[in-house]
């Protein structure tokens, strides 16, 4: 299974989801390819936000990557396009209507009562709280991946 996480700039939320899912899938021995991208090109070529890296580091996870923008090749290549909020999901469905069935919200995999949109810590610095939420949702996603890959 190939999973792409998508947020706005690809420096906070989607890289955290990418790294956490990769880590959790490896722990379970699942063969999952993960990547991330942004809907916008504002931060293309930049490393993840220091707050996102610190939150991952506290979990023993390292991430070395550069931000990139989602493109049509991603809609073809990936089996699942996981949006971090409803705005990203709308953008993905509008840009890639042929891949609309692949678009899911990360929050769909969270525990009951999870709000639909993962907040953007870029503006308020709440990287640790957002990482906790993303981790809970990614655990649910990895559970789902384990079930569908049997």
N, C-alpha and C. Protein backbone atom coordinates (compact mmCIF):
# COMPACT_ATOMS: atom_id res chain seq x y z
N UNK A 1 0.86 -1.18 0.00
CA UNK A 1 0.00 0.00 0.00
C UNK A 1 0.90 1.23 0.00
N UNK A 2 0.51 2.22 -0.78
CA UNK A 2 1.24 3.49 -0.86
C UNK A 2 0.34 4.60 -0.35
N UNK A 3 0.84 5.35 0.66
CA UNK A 3 0.04 6.37 1.33
C UNK A 3 0.75 7.72 1.25
N UNK A 4 0.02 8.74 0.79
CA UNK A 4 0.55 10.10 0.74
C UNK A 4 -0.26 10.97 1.70
N UNK A 5 0.44 11.67 2.59
CA UNK A 5 -0.20 12.61 3.51
C UNK A 5 -0.07 14.01 2.92
N UNK A 6 -1.15 14.79 3.01
CA UNK A 6 -1.16 16.12 2.40
C UNK A 6 -1.66 17.16 3.39
N UNK A 7 -0.85 18.22 3.57
CA UNK A 7 -1.28 19.40 4.33
C UNK A 7 -1.00 20.62 3.45
N UNK A 8 -0.86 21.77 4.05
CA UNK A 8 -0.72 23.00 3.26
C UNK A 8 0.70 23.18 2.72
N UNK A 9 1.67 23.29 3.62
CA UNK A 9 3.03 23.61 3.20
C UNK A 9 4.01 22.46 3.25
N UNK A 10 3.59 21.32 3.79
CA UNK A 10 4.43 20.12 3.90
C UNK A 10 5.65 20.34 4.80
N UNK A 11 5.45 21.12 5.88
CA UNK A 11 6.55 21.28 6.84
C UNK A 11 6.15 20.95 8.27
N UNK A 12 4.86 20.77 8.55
CA UNK A 12 4.42 20.48 9.93
C UNK A 12 3.61 19.18 9.99
N UNK A 13 2.34 19.27 9.64
CA UNK A 13 1.43 18.16 9.86
C UNK A 13 1.71 16.93 9.00
N UNK A 14 1.79 17.11 7.69
CA UNK A 14 1.97 15.93 6.84
C UNK A 14 3.32 15.24 7.05
N UNK A 15 4.43 15.97 7.28
CA UNK A 15 5.67 15.25 7.59
C UNK A 15 5.59 14.47 8.90
N UNK A 16 4.88 15.03 9.90
CA UNK A 16 4.71 14.28 11.15
C UNK A 16 3.93 12.99 10.89
N UNK A 17 2.86 13.09 10.12
CA UNK A 17 2.05 11.90 9.80
C UNK A 17 2.88 10.88 9.01
N UNK A 18 3.67 11.37 8.07
CA UNK A 18 4.54 10.48 7.29
C UNK A 18 5.49 9.72 8.20
N UNK A 19 6.21 10.44 9.05
CA UNK A 19 7.21 9.82 9.92
C UNK A 19 6.58 8.87 10.93
N UNK A 20 5.47 9.29 11.53
CA UNK A 20 4.80 8.44 12.52
C UNK A 20 4.25 7.17 11.88
N UNK A 21 3.64 7.29 10.72
CA UNK A 21 3.08 6.11 10.06
C UNK A 21 4.19 5.16 9.64
N UNK A 22 5.26 5.68 9.10
CA UNK A 22 6.40 4.83 8.72
C UNK A 22 6.90 4.06 9.95
N UNK A 23 7.09 4.79 11.05
CA UNK A 23 7.59 4.19 12.29
C UNK A 23 6.63 3.11 12.81
N UNK A 24 5.35 3.43 12.89
CA UNK A 24 4.36 2.49 13.41
C UNK A 24 4.21 1.27 12.51
N UNK A 25 4.26 1.47 11.19
CA UNK A 25 4.14 0.35 10.25
C UNK A 25 5.36 -0.56 10.36
N UNK A 26 6.55 0.03 10.50
CA UNK A 26 7.76 -0.78 10.65
C UNK A 26 7.69 -1.61 11.92
N UNK A 27 7.19 -1.01 12.99
CA UNK A 27 7.04 -1.75 14.25
C UNK A 27 6.14 -2.98 14.09
N UNK A 28 5.16 -2.86 13.21
CA UNK A 28 4.20 -3.96 12.99
C UNK A 28 4.62 -4.88 11.85
N UNK A 29 5.73 -4.55 11.18
CA UNK A 29 6.20 -5.37 10.07
C UNK A 29 5.36 -5.24 8.82
N UNK A 30 4.70 -4.09 8.66
CA UNK A 30 3.86 -3.85 7.48
C UNK A 30 4.67 -3.23 6.36
N UNK A 31 4.44 -3.70 5.15
CA UNK A 31 5.09 -3.13 3.97
C UNK A 31 4.22 -1.98 3.46
N UNK A 32 4.53 -0.78 3.93
CA UNK A 32 3.78 0.41 3.55
C UNK A 32 4.76 1.47 3.08
N UNK A 33 4.50 2.04 1.92
CA UNK A 33 5.30 3.16 1.42
C UNK A 33 4.57 4.44 1.80
N UNK A 34 5.28 5.34 2.47
CA UNK A 34 4.65 6.60 2.88
C UNK A 34 5.47 7.78 2.40
N UNK A 35 4.76 8.87 2.12
CA UNK A 35 5.39 10.12 1.69
C UNK A 35 4.43 11.23 2.11
N UNK A 36 4.85 12.46 1.88
CA UNK A 36 3.97 13.59 2.17
C UNK A 36 4.25 14.72 1.19
N UNK A 37 3.28 15.62 1.09
CA UNK A 37 3.38 16.75 0.17
C UNK A 37 2.43 17.85 0.66
N UNK A 38 2.57 19.02 0.07
CA UNK A 38 1.72 20.14 0.42
C UNK A 38 0.84 20.55 -0.75
N UNK A 39 -0.29 21.16 -0.44
CA UNK A 39 -1.16 21.66 -1.50
C UNK A 39 -0.57 22.92 -2.13
N UNK A 40 0.26 23.63 -1.38
CA UNK A 40 0.84 24.89 -1.85
C UNK A 40 2.35 24.78 -1.92
N UNK A 41 2.96 25.68 -2.68
CA UNK A 41 4.40 25.62 -2.93
C UNK A 41 5.21 26.58 -2.06
N UNK A 42 4.60 27.14 -1.03
CA UNK A 42 5.28 28.16 -0.22
C UNK A 42 6.61 27.70 0.36
N UNK A 43 6.68 26.44 0.77
CA UNK A 43 7.87 25.96 1.49
C UNK A 43 8.65 24.90 0.72
N UNK A 44 8.40 24.76 -0.58
CA UNK A 44 9.09 23.73 -1.36
C UNK A 44 10.60 23.86 -1.17
N UNK A 45 11.23 22.73 -0.89
CA UNK A 45 12.67 22.68 -0.70
C UNK A 45 13.14 22.91 0.73
N UNK A 46 12.22 23.32 1.61
CA UNK A 46 12.59 23.58 3.00
C UNK A 46 12.48 22.31 3.83
N UNK A 47 13.27 22.23 4.92
CA UNK A 47 13.13 21.09 5.84
C UNK A 47 11.87 21.25 6.68
N UNK A 48 11.49 20.20 7.40
CA UNK A 48 10.33 20.33 8.30
C UNK A 48 10.56 21.41 9.35
N UNK A 49 9.48 21.95 9.87
CA UNK A 49 9.52 22.98 10.91
C UNK A 49 10.25 22.42 12.13
N UNK A 50 11.10 23.23 12.79
CA UNK A 50 11.81 22.75 13.99
C UNK A 50 10.87 22.21 15.07
N UNK A 51 9.70 22.79 15.22
CA UNK A 51 8.74 22.29 16.21
C UNK A 51 8.25 20.89 15.88
N UNK A 52 8.04 20.62 14.60
CA UNK A 52 7.62 19.28 14.17
C UNK A 52 8.74 18.28 14.41
N UNK A 53 9.96 18.67 14.08
CA UNK A 53 11.11 17.79 14.30
C UNK A 53 11.31 17.49 15.78
N UNK A 54 11.13 18.50 16.63
CA UNK A 54 11.29 18.31 18.07
C UNK A 54 10.23 17.35 18.62
N UNK A 55 8.99 17.50 18.17
CA UNK A 55 7.91 16.60 18.62
C UNK A 55 8.20 15.16 18.21
N UNK A 56 8.70 14.98 17.00
CA UNK A 56 9.05 13.63 16.54
C UNK A 56 10.24 13.09 17.32
N UNK A 57 11.23 13.93 17.55
CA UNK A 57 12.43 13.53 18.28
C UNK A 57 12.09 13.02 19.68
N UNK A 58 11.14 13.65 20.32
CA UNK A 58 10.71 13.20 21.66
C UNK A 58 10.12 11.80 21.61
N UNK A 59 9.75 11.34 20.44
CA UNK A 59 9.22 9.99 20.26
C UNK A 59 10.28 9.05 19.69
N UNK A 60 11.52 9.55 19.60
CA UNK A 60 12.60 8.73 19.07
C UNK A 60 12.58 8.58 17.57
N UNK A 61 11.94 9.52 16.88
CA UNK A 61 11.80 9.45 15.42
C UNK A 61 12.56 10.59 14.78
N UNK A 62 13.41 10.25 13.82
CA UNK A 62 14.13 11.26 13.03
C UNK A 62 13.46 11.38 11.67
N UNK A 63 13.52 12.58 11.12
CA UNK A 63 12.95 12.80 9.79
C UNK A 63 13.84 13.77 9.04
N UNK A 64 14.35 13.31 7.91
CA UNK A 64 15.14 14.17 7.03
C UNK A 64 14.47 14.16 5.67
N UNK A 65 13.93 15.28 5.30
CA UNK A 65 13.22 15.41 4.02
C UNK A 65 13.10 16.87 3.68
N UNK A 66 12.64 17.17 2.50
CA UNK A 66 12.39 18.53 2.03
C UNK A 66 10.95 18.62 1.56
N UNK A 67 10.34 19.76 1.82
CA UNK A 67 8.95 19.96 1.43
C UNK A 67 8.80 19.93 -0.09
N UNK A 68 7.65 19.43 -0.51
CA UNK A 68 7.33 19.40 -1.94
C UNK A 68 5.83 19.61 -2.10
N UNK A 69 5.43 19.93 -3.31
CA UNK A 69 4.02 20.15 -3.61
C UNK A 69 3.44 18.90 -4.26
N UNK A 70 2.20 18.59 -3.91
CA UNK A 70 1.52 17.44 -4.50
C UNK A 70 1.28 17.69 -5.98
N UNK A 71 1.42 16.64 -6.78
CA UNK A 71 1.23 16.78 -8.22
C UNK A 71 0.40 15.64 -8.79
N UNK A 72 0.07 15.72 -10.08
CA UNK A 72 -0.77 14.71 -10.72
C UNK A 72 -0.17 13.30 -10.64
N UNK A 73 1.16 13.22 -10.66
CA UNK A 73 1.81 11.91 -10.57
C UNK A 73 1.51 11.24 -9.22
N UNK A 74 1.33 12.05 -8.19
CA UNK A 74 1.00 11.50 -6.87
C UNK A 74 -0.39 10.86 -6.87
N UNK A 75 -1.32 11.51 -7.55
CA UNK A 75 -2.69 10.99 -7.62
C UNK A 75 -2.72 9.64 -8.33
N UNK A 76 -1.79 9.44 -9.25
CA UNK A 76 -1.70 8.16 -9.96
C UNK A 76 -0.98 7.11 -9.13
N UNK A 77 0.12 7.50 -8.51
CA UNK A 77 1.04 6.57 -7.85
C UNK A 77 0.53 6.03 -6.52
N UNK A 78 -0.11 6.89 -5.73
CA UNK A 78 -0.48 6.50 -4.37
C UNK A 78 -1.87 5.88 -4.31
N UNK A 79 -2.01 4.90 -3.43
CA UNK A 79 -3.29 4.21 -3.24
C UNK A 79 -4.24 5.01 -2.36
N UNK A 80 -3.65 5.82 -1.47
CA UNK A 80 -4.43 6.57 -0.50
C UNK A 80 -3.84 7.97 -0.38
N UNK A 81 -4.69 8.99 -0.53
CA UNK A 81 -4.29 10.38 -0.36
C UNK A 81 -4.95 10.86 0.93
N UNK A 82 -4.15 11.01 1.98
CA UNK A 82 -4.69 11.31 3.31
C UNK A 82 -4.54 12.80 3.60
N UNK A 83 -5.66 13.49 3.63
CA UNK A 83 -5.69 14.93 3.87
C UNK A 83 -5.72 15.20 5.37
N UNK A 84 -5.01 16.26 5.78
CA UNK A 84 -4.96 16.60 7.20
C UNK A 84 -6.14 17.46 7.63
N UNK A 85 -6.84 18.06 6.68
CA UNK A 85 -8.09 18.74 7.02
C UNK A 85 -9.03 18.75 5.82
N UNK A 86 -10.25 19.19 6.05
CA UNK A 86 -11.26 19.15 4.99
C UNK A 86 -10.91 20.04 3.82
N UNK A 87 -10.22 21.14 4.07
CA UNK A 87 -9.79 22.01 2.98
C UNK A 87 -8.84 21.31 2.04
N UNK A 88 -7.91 20.56 2.61
CA UNK A 88 -6.97 19.81 1.78
C UNK A 88 -7.70 18.73 0.98
N UNK A 89 -8.68 18.08 1.61
CA UNK A 89 -9.45 17.05 0.90
C UNK A 89 -10.19 17.66 -0.29
N UNK A 90 -10.79 18.84 -0.09
CA UNK A 90 -11.49 19.51 -1.20
C UNK A 90 -10.52 19.84 -2.33
N UNK A 91 -9.36 20.36 -1.97
CA UNK A 91 -8.36 20.71 -2.99
C UNK A 91 -7.95 19.47 -3.77
N UNK A 92 -7.67 18.38 -3.07
CA UNK A 92 -7.25 17.15 -3.75
C UNK A 92 -8.33 16.64 -4.69
N UNK A 93 -9.58 16.65 -4.25
CA UNK A 93 -10.68 16.17 -5.10
C UNK A 93 -10.90 17.07 -6.31
N UNK A 94 -10.68 18.37 -6.12
CA UNK A 94 -10.85 19.31 -7.23
C UNK A 94 -9.70 19.18 -8.23
N UNK A 95 -8.47 19.09 -7.74
CA UNK A 95 -7.31 18.99 -8.64
C UNK A 95 -7.24 17.65 -9.36
N UNK A 96 -7.64 16.60 -8.66
CA UNK A 96 -7.49 15.24 -9.20
C UNK A 96 -8.81 14.48 -9.11
N UNK A 97 -9.83 14.91 -9.88
CA UNK A 97 -11.15 14.29 -9.75
C UNK A 97 -11.14 12.78 -10.03
N UNK A 98 -10.24 12.34 -10.89
CA UNK A 98 -10.15 10.91 -11.19
C UNK A 98 -9.65 10.09 -9.99
N UNK A 99 -9.06 10.76 -9.00
CA UNK A 99 -8.54 10.08 -7.81
C UNK A 99 -9.35 10.41 -6.55
N UNK A 100 -10.53 10.98 -6.73
CA UNK A 100 -11.34 11.41 -5.58
C UNK A 100 -11.64 10.28 -4.61
N UNK A 101 -11.79 9.06 -5.11
CA UNK A 101 -12.10 7.92 -4.24
C UNK A 101 -10.92 7.55 -3.34
N UNK A 102 -9.73 8.02 -3.67
CA UNK A 102 -8.54 7.73 -2.87
C UNK A 102 -8.38 8.70 -1.70
N UNK A 103 -9.13 9.78 -1.69
CA UNK A 103 -8.95 10.84 -0.69
C UNK A 103 -9.70 10.48 0.59
N UNK A 104 -8.97 10.53 1.70
CA UNK A 104 -9.54 10.30 3.03
C UNK A 104 -8.99 11.36 3.98
N UNK A 105 -9.70 11.63 5.04
CA UNK A 105 -9.21 12.52 6.10
C UNK A 105 -8.45 11.68 7.12
N UNK A 106 -7.33 12.18 7.61
CA UNK A 106 -6.59 11.47 8.65
C UNK A 106 -7.47 11.23 9.86
N UNK A 107 -8.30 12.20 10.19
CA UNK A 107 -9.16 12.10 11.37
C UNK A 107 -10.13 10.93 11.31
N UNK A 108 -10.43 10.43 10.12
CA UNK A 108 -11.32 9.26 9.99
C UNK A 108 -10.74 8.04 10.70
N UNK A 109 -9.43 8.02 10.87
CA UNK A 109 -8.76 6.89 11.49
C UNK A 109 -8.52 7.10 12.98
N UNK A 110 -8.93 8.26 13.48
CA UNK A 110 -8.74 8.57 14.89
C UNK A 110 -9.81 7.93 15.76
N UNK A 111 -9.63 8.05 17.07
CA UNK A 111 -10.64 7.50 17.98
C UNK A 111 -11.97 8.24 17.83
N UNK A 112 -13.06 7.62 18.25
CA UNK A 112 -14.37 8.30 18.18
C UNK A 112 -14.31 9.68 18.82
N UNK A 113 -14.94 10.63 18.18
CA UNK A 113 -14.97 12.00 18.69
C UNK A 113 -13.85 12.88 18.18
N UNK A 114 -12.94 12.31 17.36
CA UNK A 114 -11.85 13.11 16.80
C UNK A 114 -12.44 14.16 15.86
N UNK A 115 -12.06 15.41 16.04
CA UNK A 115 -12.53 16.47 15.16
C UNK A 115 -11.99 16.25 13.76
N UNK A 116 -12.72 16.70 12.72
CA UNK A 116 -12.32 16.38 11.35
C UNK A 116 -11.02 17.03 10.89
N UNK A 117 -10.69 18.20 11.42
CA UNK A 117 -9.50 18.91 10.94
C UNK A 117 -8.38 18.88 11.97
N UNK A 118 -7.20 18.45 11.52
CA UNK A 118 -6.01 18.52 12.38
C UNK A 118 -5.53 19.96 12.33
N UNK A 119 -5.45 20.65 13.48
CA UNK A 119 -5.06 22.06 13.47
C UNK A 119 -3.62 22.25 13.00
N UNK A 120 -3.36 23.41 12.42
CA UNK A 120 -2.03 23.73 11.89
C UNK A 120 -1.19 24.38 12.99
N UNK A 121 -0.13 23.71 13.45
CA UNK A 121 0.70 24.28 14.52
C UNK A 121 1.65 25.37 14.04
N UNK A 122 1.69 25.60 12.74
CA UNK A 122 2.57 26.63 12.19
C UNK A 122 2.25 27.99 12.79
N UNK A 123 0.97 28.22 13.07
CA UNK A 123 0.54 29.54 13.53
C UNK A 123 0.54 29.70 15.04
N UNK A 124 0.37 28.60 15.79
CA UNK A 124 0.28 28.75 17.25
C UNK A 124 1.38 28.01 18.02
N UNK A 125 2.24 27.30 17.32
CA UNK A 125 3.36 26.64 17.97
C UNK A 125 3.00 25.40 18.78
N UNK A 126 1.79 24.88 18.60
CA UNK A 126 1.34 23.72 19.38
C UNK A 126 1.74 22.40 18.71
N UNK A 127 3.00 22.29 18.34
CA UNK A 127 3.47 21.11 17.62
C UNK A 127 3.31 19.82 18.42
N UNK A 128 3.58 19.88 19.72
CA UNK A 128 3.47 18.67 20.54
C UNK A 128 2.03 18.18 20.61
N UNK A 129 1.09 19.08 20.85
CA UNK A 129 -0.32 18.69 20.92
C UNK A 129 -0.80 18.14 19.58
N UNK A 130 -0.39 18.78 18.50
CA UNK A 130 -0.79 18.31 17.17
C UNK A 130 -0.15 16.95 16.89
N UNK A 131 1.10 16.78 17.27
CA UNK A 131 1.77 15.50 17.06
C UNK A 131 1.06 14.38 17.83
N UNK A 132 0.58 14.67 19.03
CA UNK A 132 -0.18 13.67 19.80
C UNK A 132 -1.44 13.26 19.05
N UNK A 133 -2.15 14.25 18.51
CA UNK A 133 -3.37 13.96 17.75
C UNK A 133 -3.04 13.16 16.49
N UNK A 134 -2.03 13.60 15.77
CA UNK A 134 -1.62 12.90 14.55
C UNK A 134 -1.22 11.46 14.87
N UNK A 135 -0.49 11.28 15.97
CA UNK A 135 -0.07 9.93 16.35
C UNK A 135 -1.27 9.02 16.63
N UNK A 136 -2.26 9.53 17.34
CA UNK A 136 -3.47 8.72 17.61
C UNK A 136 -4.15 8.31 16.30
N UNK A 137 -4.26 9.25 15.39
CA UNK A 137 -4.89 8.95 14.10
C UNK A 137 -4.04 7.98 13.27
N UNK A 138 -2.73 8.17 13.30
CA UNK A 138 -1.84 7.28 12.55
C UNK A 138 -1.88 5.86 13.10
N UNK A 139 -2.04 5.72 14.40
CA UNK A 139 -2.18 4.37 14.98
C UNK A 139 -3.43 3.69 14.40
N UNK A 140 -4.52 4.44 14.31
CA UNK A 140 -5.73 3.90 13.71
C UNK A 140 -5.55 3.57 12.24
N UNK A 141 -4.83 4.42 11.53
CA UNK A 141 -4.56 4.17 10.12
C UNK A 141 -3.74 2.90 9.95
N UNK A 142 -2.71 2.73 10.77
CA UNK A 142 -1.87 1.53 10.67
C UNK A 142 -2.68 0.28 11.02
N UNK A 143 -3.57 0.38 11.99
CA UNK A 143 -4.47 -0.75 12.29
C UNK A 143 -5.31 -1.09 11.06
N UNK A 144 -5.85 -0.06 10.41
CA UNK A 144 -6.66 -0.26 9.20
C UNK A 144 -5.82 -0.88 8.09
N UNK A 145 -4.60 -0.37 7.90
CA UNK A 145 -3.71 -0.92 6.87
C UNK A 145 -3.41 -2.39 7.13
N UNK A 146 -3.21 -2.74 8.39
CA UNK A 146 -2.95 -4.14 8.74
C UNK A 146 -4.14 -5.02 8.37
N UNK A 147 -5.35 -4.51 8.59
CA UNK A 147 -6.56 -5.29 8.25
C UNK A 147 -6.73 -5.45 6.75
N UNK A 148 -6.53 -4.38 5.99
CA UNK A 148 -6.78 -4.46 4.54
C UNK A 148 -5.66 -5.15 3.78
N UNK A 149 -4.50 -5.30 4.40
CA UNK A 149 -3.38 -5.92 3.68
C UNK A 149 -3.27 -7.42 3.95
N UNK A 150 -4.22 -7.98 4.66
CA UNK A 150 -4.19 -9.43 4.94
C UNK A 150 -4.50 -10.22 3.71
